[in-house]
Amino acid sequence: MSAKAVAALLLSVAMASDAHTQSPPPRPVFGARTDLVYVTVTVQDAHGRIVPDLPDSAFEVREDGKPRDIEVFSHGADELVALDVALLLDTSGSMDAELQSAQRAALAVLLRIPRLRRSTVVSFDTDIRFWRADADPVALLPEILAARPVNGASAIRSALVAALDALIRDGSGRGALILLTDGVDYGSAVSETQLFRAIESANVAIYPIPFVPSNFTSVPNADLRRGPAARLGTGFPTTPDTLAARGFLTRMAETSGGRVILPTGHLESALDGLVEELSSQYVIGFTPAASQRGRAHRLDVRVSDRRLKLRHRERYVAR
């Protein structure tokens, strides 16, 4: 055999070996159908239990009050239901060391979500940090905590918009965002109006976990007062306004079709309910009416059994 033939044989063997060791990337459940609008729907009975196995014939979807044909229908039992999840951890100065167990539990939940196509871990304070998606999420915690500044800001709105953008970029049409925070924002360059516009532009359900530590660090350090937050003219809270923070988190969750997760008792039990919900949701895709980019539309999804309760985003912005 000639040297050239041997080289060609070795190259083909190497390529075959590489093909076996590298699995193809998971494909989005809805492929490249960017012309569709997707709505993720959670269905519960009168007792709050998840209803996971309704047929497509049970659903009706309306856009601005007008019925639309359902062109894509998928639910938790389908093997091809892809889900992109982002976990946001507030590491600002207002979140002290007692939060570490909650952060660890939230990171661990990423390992339990079935049919997870892609996960993203984001920590935020004065800065926003995206952590490598291929790592064991729980093992990231020491690195995440080491990167946090002393008494950093809490740019919640900016971090949310950055995470939403990452989720919908090459996404599957369905996403979830889990946010562990006290809900007190200071230092964001993003307004609340801009944030809610971004929420309405993405089929991403947001699940805030409100956490108010018992020992609140009230005053950011001097460097922060001279930094970006000071230039924005943002006031620093002296105590966490839990009522206003809870209202902000609730509005955000309801707008997106998600819900606030109250860690009463054990956070792990509350996260069990979240895993069940994400595993049992319905995804509906329909062709929207011709619309000007940036225009908002009302969404209404109904089921034939009026005793059931539905949760989904109620508006979307044409992209």
Foldseek 3Di string as FASTA:
>chain_A
DDPVVVVVVVVVVVVVVVPVVDDDAQAFLVHPPPLKAKWKKWKAFLVRHTDFDDDPVQKWKDWQRHTFDFPDKDWLVDLRHEEEEEEEEEQAQFDDDVCLVVQLLSLVLVVVAPRYRWYWYWYDFLHIDIDDGPDSSNVCSVVNNVPYDHRGHGQPLQNLLVVLVVQVPSHNQAYEYEYEEQQDHFNHPDDPVRSLQSLQAGLYAYEYEHDGDPDGDQDGDPVNCVDRRVVVVTDTGRHRPNVVSVVSSQVSRQQNQHGYQYCPPHVNVSSVVVSVRSSRMMMTIGRDDDDDAQDKIFMDMGGPPPSMDMTIRGMHGHD
